[in-house]
Amino acid sequence: MTFLLVYDRNQGRLLDMKRFPDRRIAMQERFRAEARYGGRREIEIVALTADSEEELRRTHGRYFLGLAELADRIGEPA
């Protein structure tokens, strides 16, 4: 499964997330989203493959955490 994420770096929040069973369709939608956001540098648009949303949240957690949570996580010892 491929997940399309639209993330606002300035706000530190996920704006949109969609699931696609076909990576090609996800990439087509990614290009549409990039055109829609007009190259705004604060907007990050990614297509990521994972077996489940739980796995995606575990491997790419920064997209699902707010700025305060990210700051707390950075401060935690490894």
PDB file of N, CA and C in Angstrom:
ATOM      1  N   MET A   1       0.846  -1.164   0.000  1.00  0.00           N
ATOM      2  CA  MET A   1       0.000   0.000   0.000  1.00  0.00           C
ATOM      3  C   MET A   1       0.900   1.238   0.000  1.00  0.00           C
ATOM      4  N   THR A   2       0.486   2.251  -0.740  1.00  0.00           N
ATOM      5  CA  THR A   2       1.237   3.500  -0.788  1.00  0.00           C
ATOM      6  C   THR A   2       0.391   4.605  -0.178  1.00  0.00           C
ATOM      7  N   PHE A   3       1.023   5.380   0.673  1.00  0.00           N
ATOM      8  CA  PHE A   3       0.361   6.486   1.355  1.00  0.00           C
ATOM      9  C   PHE A   3       0.889   7.796   0.796  1.00  0.00           C
ATOM     10  N   LEU A   4      -0.005   8.703   0.488  1.00  0.00           N
ATOM     11  CA  LEU A   4       0.371  10.036   0.035  1.00  0.00           C
ATOM     12  C   LEU A   4       0.151  10.990   1.203  1.00  0.00           C
ATOM     13  N   LEU A   5       1.216  11.655   1.620  1.00  0.00           N
ATOM     14  CA  LEU A   5       1.141  12.577   2.742  1.00  0.00           C
ATOM     15  C   LEU A   5       1.439  13.988   2.270  1.00  0.00           C
ATOM     16  N   VAL A   6       0.658  14.935   2.758  1.00  0.00           N
ATOM     17  CA  VAL A   6       0.898  16.354   2.524  1.00  0.00           C
ATOM     18  C   VAL A   6       1.129  16.962   3.895  1.00  0.00           C
ATOM     19  N   TYR A   7       2.343  17.476   4.098  1.00  0.00           N
ATOM     20  CA  TYR A   7       2.786  17.925   5.419  1.00  0.00           C
ATOM     21  C   TYR A   7       3.220  19.387   5.353  1.00  0.00           C
ATOM     22  N   ASP A   8       2.738  20.183   6.293  1.00  0.00           N
ATOM     23  CA  ASP A   8       3.128  21.589   6.383  1.00  0.00           C
ATOM     24  C   ASP A   8       4.269  21.701   7.393  1.00  0.00           C
ATOM     25  N   ARG A   9       5.467  21.987   6.919  1.00  0.00           N
ATOM     26  CA  ARG A   9       6.643  22.068   7.789  1.00  0.00           C
ATOM     27  C   ARG A   9       6.548  23.221   8.772  1.00  0.00           C
ATOM     28  N   ASN A  10       6.000  24.355   8.334  1.00  0.00           N
ATOM     29  CA  ASN A  10       5.909  25.519   9.223  1.00  0.00           C
ATOM     30  C   ASN A  10       4.964  25.265  10.384  1.00  0.00           C
ATOM     31  N   GLN A  11       3.856  24.631  10.115  1.00  0.00           N
ATOM     32  CA  GLN A  11       2.867  24.343  11.156  1.00  0.00           C
ATOM     33  C   GLN A  11       3.168  23.054  11.896  1.00  0.00           C
ATOM     34  N   GLY A  12       4.028  22.221  11.308  1.00  0.00           N
ATOM     35  CA  GLY A  12       4.345  20.939  11.926  1.00  0.00           C
ATOM     36  C   GLY A  12       3.144  20.027  12.007  1.00  0.00           C
ATOM     37  N   ARG A  13       2.359  20.003  10.911  1.00  0.00           N
ATOM     38  CA  ARG A  13       1.171  19.140  10.948  1.00  0.00           C
ATOM     39  C   ARG A  13       0.861  18.552   9.578  1.00  0.00           C
ATOM     40  N   LEU A  14       0.263  17.397   9.636  1.00  0.00           N
ATOM     41  CA  LEU A  14      -0.162  16.675   8.444  1.00  0.00           C
ATOM     42  C   LEU A  14      -1.444  17.317   7.926  1.00  0.00           C
ATOM     43  N   LEU A  15      -1.436  17.749   6.683  1.00  0.00           N
ATOM     44  CA  LEU A  15      -2.616  18.374   6.086  1.00  0.00           C
ATOM     45  C   LEU A  15      -3.544  17.354   5.446  1.00  0.00           C
ATOM     46  N   ASP A  16      -2.958  16.274   4.918  1.00  0.00           N
ATOM     47  CA  ASP A  16      -3.768  15.283   4.218  1.00  0.00           C
ATOM     48  C   ASP A  16      -3.013  13.958   4.143  1.00  0.00           C
ATOM     49  N   MET A  17      -3.759  12.877   4.154  1.00  0.00           N
ATOM     50  CA  MET A  17      -3.181  11.550   3.960  1.00  0.00           C
ATOM     51  C   MET A  17      -4.200  10.706   3.201  1.00  0.00           C
ATOM     52  N   LYS A  18      -3.730  10.082   2.120  1.00  0.00           N
ATOM     53  CA  LYS A  18      -4.581   9.201   1.332  1.00  0.00           C
ATOM     54  C   LYS A  18      -3.856   7.879   1.122  1.00  0.00           C
ATOM     55  N   ARG A  19      -4.620   6.808   0.993  1.00  0.00           N
ATOM     56  CA  ARG A  19      -4.056   5.465   0.742  1.00  0.00           C
ATOM     57  C   ARG A  19      -4.366   5.039  -0.683  1.00  0.00           C
ATOM     58  N   PHE A  20      -3.388   4.375  -1.285  1.00  0.00           N
ATOM     59  CA  PHE A  20      -3.558   3.867  -2.642  1.00  0.00           C
ATOM     60  C   PHE A  20      -3.015   2.446  -2.706  1.00  0.00           C
ATOM     61  N   PRO A  21      -3.764   1.516  -3.295  1.00  0.00           N
ATOM     62  CA  PRO A  21      -3.250   0.152  -3.438  1.00  0.00           C
ATOM     63  C   PRO A  21      -2.203   0.056  -4.545  1.00  0.00           C
ATOM     64  N   ASP A  22      -2.191   1.039  -5.441  1.00  0.00           N
ATOM     65  CA  ASP A  22      -1.284   1.033  -6.591  1.00  0.00           C
ATOM     66  C   ASP A  22      -0.341   2.231  -6.501  1.00  0.00           C
ATOM     67  N   ARG A  23       0.960   1.972  -6.476  1.00  0.00           N
ATOM     68  CA  ARG A  23       1.963   3.039  -6.337  1.00  0.00           C
ATOM     69  C   ARG A  23       1.906   4.027  -7.506  1.00  0.00           C
ATOM     70  N   ARG A  24       1.626   3.536  -8.694  1.00  0.00           N
ATOM     71  CA  ARG A  24       1.557   4.435  -9.862  1.00  0.00           C
ATOM     72  C   ARG A  24       0.465   5.475  -9.701  1.00  0.00           C
ATOM     73  N   ILE A  25      -0.672   5.051  -9.201  1.00  0.00           N
ATOM     74  CA  ILE A  25      -1.778   5.991  -8.982  1.00  0.00           C
ATOM     75  C   ILE A  25      -1.389   6.993  -7.887  1.00  0.00           C
ATOM     76  N   ALA A  26      -0.729   6.517  -6.850  1.00  0.00           N
ATOM     77  CA  ALA A  26      -0.278   7.408  -5.779  1.00  0.00           C
ATOM     78  C   ALA A  26       0.686   8.459  -6.312  1.00  0.00           C
ATOM     79  N   MET A  27       1.590   8.049  -7.189  1.00  0.00           N
ATOM     80  CA  MET A  27       2.557   9.001  -7.750  1.00  0.00           C
ATOM     81  C   MET A  27       1.854  10.017  -8.657  1.00  0.00           C
ATOM     82  N   GLN A  28       0.861   9.585  -9.405  1.00  0.00           N
ATOM     83  CA  GLN A  28       0.101  10.524 -10.233  1.00  0.00           C
ATOM     84  C   GLN A  28      -0.580  11.568  -9.345  1.00  0.00           C
ATOM     85  N   GLU A  29      -1.149  11.092  -8.247  1.00  0.00           N
ATOM     86  CA  GLU A  29      -1.808  12.018  -7.319  1.00  0.00           C
ATOM     87  C   GLU A  29      -0.782  12.930  -6.650  1.00  0.00           C
ATOM     88  N   ARG A  30       0.412  12.414  -6.393  1.00  0.00           N
ATOM     89  CA  ARG A  30       1.467  13.247  -5.812  1.00  0.00           C
ATOM     90  C   ARG A  30       1.794  14.412  -6.747  1.00  0.00           C
ATOM     91  N   PHE A  31       1.932  14.127  -8.041  1.00  0.00           N
ATOM     92  CA  PHE A  31       2.242  15.188  -8.998  1.00  0.00           C
ATOM     93  C   PHE A  31       1.107  16.209  -9.070  1.00  0.00           C
ATOM     94  N   ARG A  32      -0.137  15.746  -8.968  1.00  0.00           N
ATOM     95  CA  ARG A  32      -1.277  16.670  -8.947  1.00  0.00           C
ATOM     96  C   ARG A  32      -1.214  17.553  -7.701  1.00  0.00           C
ATOM     97  N   ALA A  33      -0.886  16.944  -6.564  1.00  0.00           N
ATOM     98  CA  ALA A  33      -0.795  17.713  -5.315  1.00  0.00           C
ATOM     99  C   ALA A  33       0.334  18.734  -5.387  1.00  0.00           C
ATOM    100  N   GLU A  34       1.463  18.352  -5.964  1.00  0.00           N
ATOM    101  CA  GLU A  34       2.573  19.296  -6.108  1.00  0.00           C
ATOM    102  C   GLU A  34       2.163  20.480  -6.970  1.00  0.00           C
ATOM    103  N   ALA A  35       1.411  20.239  -8.023  1.00  0.00           N
ATOM    104  CA  ALA A  35       0.916  21.327  -8.870  1.00  0.00           C
ATOM    105  C   ALA A  35      -0.078  22.191  -8.096  1.00  0.00           C
ATOM    106  N   ARG A  36      -0.922  21.550  -7.298  1.00  0.00           N
ATOM    107  CA  ARG A  36      -1.939  22.265  -6.521  1.00  0.00           C
ATOM    108  C   ARG A  36      -1.295  23.201  -5.493  1.00  0.00           C
ATOM    109  N   TYR A  37      -0.218  22.760  -4.877  1.00  0.00           N
ATOM    110  CA  TYR A  37       0.439  23.589  -3.854  1.00  0.00           C
ATOM    111  C   TYR A  37       1.465  24.544  -4.462  1.00  0.00           C
ATOM    112  N   GLY A  38       1.639  24.509  -5.756  1.00  0.00           N
ATOM    113  CA  GLY A  38       2.419  25.498  -6.468  1.00  0.00           C
ATOM    114  C   GLY A  38       3.845  25.706  -6.006  1.00  0.00           C
ATOM    115  N   GLY A  39       4.515  24.649  -5.588  1.00  0.00           N
ATOM    116  CA  GLY A  39       5.918  24.771  -5.213  1.00  0.00           C
ATOM    117  C   GLY A  39       6.171  25.489  -3.896  1.00  0.00           C
ATOM    118  N   ARG A  40       5.162  25.575  -3.043  1.00  0.00           N
ATOM    119  CA  ARG A  40       5.366  26.209  -1.727  1.00  0.00           C
ATOM    120  C   ARG A  40       6.376  25.386  -0.937  1.00  0.00           C
ATOM    121  N   ARG A  41       7.453  26.024  -0.540  1.00  0.00           N
ATOM    122  CA  ARG A  41       8.562  25.313   0.116  1.00  0.00           C
ATOM    123  C   ARG A  41       8.192  24.716   1.472  1.00  0.00           C
ATOM    124  N   GLU A  42       7.215  25.293   2.138  1.00  0.00           N
ATOM    125  CA  GLU A  42       6.851  24.766   3.456  1.00  0.00           C
ATOM    126  C   GLU A  42       5.994  23.504   3.366  1.00  0.00           C
ATOM    127  N   ILE A  43       5.511  23.201   2.173  1.00  0.00           N
ATOM    128  CA  ILE A  43       4.671  22.018   1.982  1.00  0.00           C
ATOM    129  C   ILE A  43       5.523  20.870   1.447  1.00  0.00           C
ATOM    130  N   GLU A  44       5.489  19.766   2.176  1.00  0.00           N
ATOM    131  CA  GLU A  44       6.219  18.560   1.771  1.00  0.00           C
ATOM    132  C   GLU A  44       5.190  17.519   1.337  1.00  0.00           C
ATOM    133  N   ILE A  45       5.373  16.980   0.146  1.00  0.00           N
ATOM    134  CA  ILE A  45       4.451  15.977  -0.390  1.00  0.00           C
ATOM    135  C   ILE A  45       5.262  14.723  -0.684  1.00  0.00           C
ATOM    136  N   VAL A  46       4.879  13.624  -0.027  1.00  0.00           N
ATOM    137  CA  VAL A  46       5.625  12.385  -0.178  1.00  0.00           C
ATOM    138  C   VAL A  46       4.677  11.218  -0.416  1.00  0.00           C
ATOM    139  N   ALA A  47       5.166  10.238  -1.157  1.00  0.00           N
ATOM    140  CA  ALA A  47       4.464   8.970  -1.348  1.00  0.00           C
ATOM    141  C   ALA A  47       5.344   7.899  -0.707  1.00  0.00           C
ATOM    142  N   LEU A  48       4.809   7.236   0.308  1.00  0.00           N
ATOM    143  CA  LEU A  48       5.567   6.252   1.074  1.00  0.00           C
ATOM    144  C   LEU A  48       4.851   4.911   1.057  1.00  0.00           C
ATOM    145  N   THR A  49       5.619   3.845   0.925  1.00  0.00           N
ATOM    146  CA  THR A  49       5.048   2.499   0.906  1.00  0.00           C
ATOM    147  C   THR A  49       5.232   1.847   2.265  1.00  0.00           C
ATOM    148  N   ALA A  50       4.147   1.241   2.750  1.00  0.00           N
ATOM    149  CA  ALA A  50       4.175   0.518   4.029  1.00  0.00           C
ATOM    150  C   ALA A  50       3.076  -0.534   3.996  1.00  0.00           C
ATOM    151  N   ASP A  51       3.246  -1.560   4.818  1.00  0.00           N
ATOM    152  CA  ASP A  51       2.235  -2.623   4.880  1.00  0.00           C
ATOM    153  C   ASP A  51       0.948  -2.150   5.541  1.00  0.00           C
ATOM    154  N   SER A  52       1.060  -1.143   6.431  1.00  0.00           N
ATOM    155  CA  SER A  52      -0.109  -0.647   7.148  1.00  0.00           C
ATOM    156  C   SER A  52       0.147   0.776   7.620  1.00  0.00           C
ATOM    157  N   GLU A  53      -0.916   1.448   8.039  1.00  0.00           N
ATOM    158  CA  GLU A  53      -0.762   2.785   8.600  1.00  0.00           C
ATOM    159  C   GLU A  53       0.045   2.730   9.897  1.00  0.00           C
ATOM    160  N   GLU A  54      -0.151   1.685  10.676  1.00  0.00           N
ATOM    161  CA  GLU A  54       0.629   1.526  11.921  1.00  0.00           C
ATOM    162  C   GLU A  54       2.122   1.482  11.625  1.00  0.00           C
ATOM    163  N   GLU A  55       2.516   0.729  10.604  1.00  0.00           N
ATOM    164  CA  GLU A  55       3.925   0.656  10.233  1.00  0.00           C
ATOM    165  C   GLU A  55       4.424   2.024   9.768  1.00  0.00           C
ATOM    166  N   LEU A  56       3.629   2.701   8.976  1.00  0.00           N
ATOM    167  CA  LEU A  56       3.999   4.034   8.496  1.00  0.00           C
ATOM    168  C   LEU A  56       4.203   4.992   9.664  1.00  0.00           C
ATOM    169  N   ARG A  57       3.313   4.955  10.630  1.00  0.00           N
ATOM    170  CA  ARG A  57       3.440   5.825  11.807  1.00  0.00           C
ATOM    171  C   ARG A  57       4.702   5.483  12.608  1.00  0.00           C
ATOM    172  N   ARG A  58       5.057   4.222  12.634  1.00  0.00           N
ATOM    173  CA  ARG A  58       6.256   3.805  13.367  1.00  0.00           C
ATOM    174  C   ARG A  58       7.531   4.228  12.630  1.00  0.00           C
ATOM    175  N   THR A  59       7.551   4.073  11.317  1.00  0.00           N
ATOM    176  CA  THR A  59       8.771   4.357  10.560  1.00  0.00           C
ATOM    177  C   THR A  59       8.910   5.827  10.161  1.00  0.00           C
ATOM    178  N   HIS A  60       7.804   6.560  10.072  1.00  0.00           N
ATOM    179  CA  HIS A  60       7.836   7.963   9.648  1.00  0.00           C
ATOM    180  C   HIS A  60       6.998   8.820  10.601  1.00  0.00           C
ATOM    181  N   GLY A  61       7.231   8.619  11.879  1.00  0.00           N
ATOM    182  CA  GLY A  61       6.433   9.257  12.920  1.00  0.00           C
ATOM    183  C   GLY A  61       6.413  10.770  12.880  1.00  0.00           C
ATOM    184  N   ARG A  62       7.452  11.391  12.350  1.00  0.00           N
ATOM    185  CA  ARG A  62       7.509  12.853  12.372  1.00  0.00           C
ATOM    186  C   ARG A  62       6.339  13.500  11.628  1.00  0.00           C
ATOM    187  N   TYR A  63       5.770  12.793  10.665  1.00  0.00           N
ATOM    188  CA  TYR A  63       4.634  13.353   9.933  1.00  0.00           C
ATOM    189  C   TYR A  63       3.352  13.371  10.767  1.00  0.00           C
ATOM    190  N   PHE A  64       3.344  12.628  11.856  1.00  0.00           N
ATOM    191  CA  PHE A  64       2.127  12.480  12.640  1.00  0.00           C
ATOM    192  C   PHE A  64       2.202  13.171  14.001  1.00  0.00           C
ATOM    193  N   LEU A  65       3.317  13.821  14.286  1.00  0.00           N
ATOM    194  CA  LEU A  65       3.505  14.488  15.562  1.00  0.00           C
ATOM    195  C   LEU A  65       3.451  15.996  15.385  1.00  0.00           C
ATOM    196  N   GLY A  66       2.958  16.697  16.400  1.00  0.00           N
ATOM    197  CA  GLY A  66       2.972  18.148  16.377  1.00  0.00           C
ATOM    198  C   GLY A  66       4.362  18.673  16.702  1.00  0.00           C
ATOM    199  N   LEU A  67       4.554  19.980  16.578  1.00  0.00           N
ATOM    200  CA  LEU A  67       5.863  20.578  16.823  1.00  0.00           C
ATOM    201  C   LEU A  67       6.353  20.322  18.249  1.00  0.00           C
ATOM    202  N   ALA A  68       5.467  20.443  19.233  1.00  0.00           N
ATOM    203  CA  ALA A  68       5.863  20.222  20.628  1.00  0.00           C
ATOM    204  C   ALA A  68       6.293  18.774  20.843  1.00  0.00           C
ATOM    205  N   GLU A  69       5.559  17.844  20.259  1.00  0.00           N
ATOM    206  CA  GLU A  69       5.908  16.427  20.397  1.00  0.00           C
ATOM    207  C   GLU A  69       7.245  16.122  19.725  1.00  0.00           C
ATOM    208  N   LEU A  70       7.474  16.733  18.563  1.00  0.00           N
ATOM    209  CA  LEU A  70       8.760  16.540  17.888  1.00  0.00           C
ATOM    210  C   LEU A  70       9.902  17.084  18.721  1.00  0.00           C
ATOM    211  N   ALA A  71       9.712  18.260  19.293  1.00  0.00           N
ATOM    212  CA  ALA A  71      10.750  18.863  20.135  1.00  0.00           C
ATOM    213  C   ALA A  71      11.036  17.978  21.331  1.00  0.00           C
ATOM    214  N   ASP A  72       9.999  17.425  21.944  1.00  0.00           N
ATOM    215  CA  ASP A  72      10.193  16.522  23.079  1.00  0.00           C
ATOM    216  C   ASP A  72      10.971  15.286  22.658  1.00  0.00           C
ATOM    217  N   ARG A  73      10.640  14.760  21.492  1.00  0.00           N
ATOM    218  CA  ARG A  73      11.296  13.556  20.997  1.00  0.00           C
ATOM    219  C   ARG A  73      12.775  13.809  20.704  1.00  0.00           C
ATOM    220  N   ILE A  74      13.081  14.974  20.167  1.00  0.00           N
ATOM    221  CA  ILE A  74      14.469  15.333  19.867  1.00  0.00           C
ATOM    222  C   ILE A  74      15.280  15.395  21.153  1.00  0.00           C
ATOM    223  N   GLY A  75      14.655  15.870  22.217  1.00  0.00           N
ATOM    224  CA  GLY A  75      15.335  16.015  23.494  1.00  0.00           C
ATOM    225  C   GLY A  75      15.531  14.709  24.253  1.00  0.00           C
ATOM    226  N   GLU A  76      14.866  13.645  23.824  1.00  0.00           N
ATOM    227  CA  GLU A  76      14.972  12.354  24.513  1.00  0.00           C
ATOM    228  C   GLU A  76      16.307  11.695  24.188  1.00  0.00           C
ATOM    229  N   PRO A  77      16.925  11.063  25.183  1.00  0.00           N
ATOM    230  CA  PRO A  77      18.163  10.314  24.904  1.00  0.00           C
ATOM    231  C   PRO A  77      17.861   9.090  24.047  1.00  0.00           C
ATOM    232  N   ALA A  78      18.792   8.717  23.205  1.00  0.00           N
ATOM    233  CA  ALA A  78      18.592   7.569  22.296  1.00  0.00           C
ATOM    234  C   ALA A  78      18.646   6.260  23.011  1.00  0.00           C
TER     235      ALA A  78
END
